[in-house]
Amino acid sequence: MAVTRAQARQWLADNLVGEFAALRGLGGPGREHEAFQARLDWDRHLASAGWTCLDWPVEHGGRGASLDEQLVWHEEYARANAPARVNHLGENLLGPTLIAHGTPEQQRRFLPEIACVTQLWCQGYSEPEAGSDLAGVRTSARLDGDEWVITGQKVWTSLAHLADWCFVLARTDPAATRHRGLSYLLVPMRQPGIEVRPIRQLTGTAEFNEVFFDGARTEAGLVVGGVGNGWAVAMATLGFERGAATLGQQIGFRRELDGIIALARRNGSVADPLIRERLTRSAMELEVMRSHALRTKAADASVTKLFWSRWHRELGELAVDVLGAESVIAEPELDPWQRLYLFSRADTIYGGSDEIQRTIIAERVLGLPRQERR
C-alpha cells in the first residue's frame, strides 16, 4: 500500500490523542528516559497499524516503501512532534542487516519480533580500546559444542539496560588481526554472564552503558553472514544507520532553532550583531543541509553525518550563548537548552566520530591512499 502525505498526516492526527497525546516531543538522544514504557506502547501501536519497517520488503513484514514514501512518513512524523521511537536499533539497523545477510532461519526467527516491537536490541560494537576503530575489537567468542562462549567488554552501548538482545562484533579467530577473524553474533542479554552498568552522562541521564561478557553464551547458528565475515556485516549495518530519517531529523532541528530565535527575541540578545549573525548562519546551513539530503537521497552517509553533527553541536553552543548567564544555573534541573548543549557534545563522536568519517570520505569517496594502520 502506497504511503501518501495526506494518509500519514491524517493517521498521526487521529492517533496522537488520549494517552498518546502526552508523548508529543518526548524521547530522543539524551532523553531516552522520558516515558520509555509509554513510548514502547506507542511503537507497538504503530506496528499494529503497519507503520513500522516501511522500507522492508513485503515478504519480510514491511511495506516495500520507496525512498520518497519513507521521506513523506518521516517528515510528517516529525511535523506532528510525535515521540522518538524506541526500536531504532532493531528496525533500522539489525532488521535490514538480517534481510541482506541473515539465513532464512534467522530471518524467520527475529524479523517478526522486531517488526511488532516485542524484542528490543542494542549494538555491541565499541570497546574501551576500540571505539570508532572497530578493527581493534578484543571481545572474543569461542565455540563450545553447539554454543559460542563470549568474553570481553563493550562500552557506550545505547539502551543495553532495556534490550532483550544484542548484535555483537567479536573475535572468533584469535590468531587473526584487525578486521580479519571477526564474527557478527546475536546474543541474548538476559542471561548469567552479562552485566550491564549504566554510564551517567553530563546531562544526569544514563542511556549509554558498559556491558561485560563473562562466559555469556549464544547458539552456534546465531552468526550473521558466516564465521569470520563479521567485518563486512558490521560495515553493512553502519551503512543502514543513516537514511530517509535524516530529513525528519532536520524538522526537529528546525523546531530547536526556532525556539532559540524566539528566546533571543524575548531576552533581547537578538540585538547583539554576533548573535544575530550566528542565528542567520544556522538557518542558512540548515537549508543547505536539507538540499544536500534531498539531492543525494541520504546516500553519502559520512558527509551527511559530518554535516548534521557539527551543525547540531554548534547549535547547542549558540543556545547557551543566547541564554546568557542563566545557562550556568541548573535548578532544579537542566532546561532544554542546557540539555541540548551538554548532550550535543556527543554528536560528533557517537555513530562514528568526525575523524573516522573524514577517513571514510578520503579513502572511499576521494580515492586517497589508505591510512597506514598497525
Foldseek 3Di string as FASTA:
>chain_A
DFADLVVLLVVLVVPCDDPNVVQQQADDFLGCVPPVVVLLVVLLVCLVVQNALQCDDVVLPHVVYDLVSLLSNLQSCLVSSGHDHQACCPRQFVLVLCVVWNDPVVSVVPSVCSSSSVFHEKEFFADPVDALQRLQDAWAWEDDPFKTWIFDKGWQIFQLVPGQKYFHWHAHDVVDGGLWRIWTFIFGQPDPQKDWAFDQFPQRDTRIIMIGGGRGMDGNNRTTNDGGCHSVSVVVSLQSNWASSLSSVLSVVVVLLVVLVVLLVVVVVCVPVVLVVVSVVLVVLSVVLNVVCVVVRCNLVLVNLVSPLVSQLVSLVSSVVSVPPCLVDAPPHHDPSVSSNRSSVCSCRPSHHNVRSVLCCVCVPVNHDHDDDD
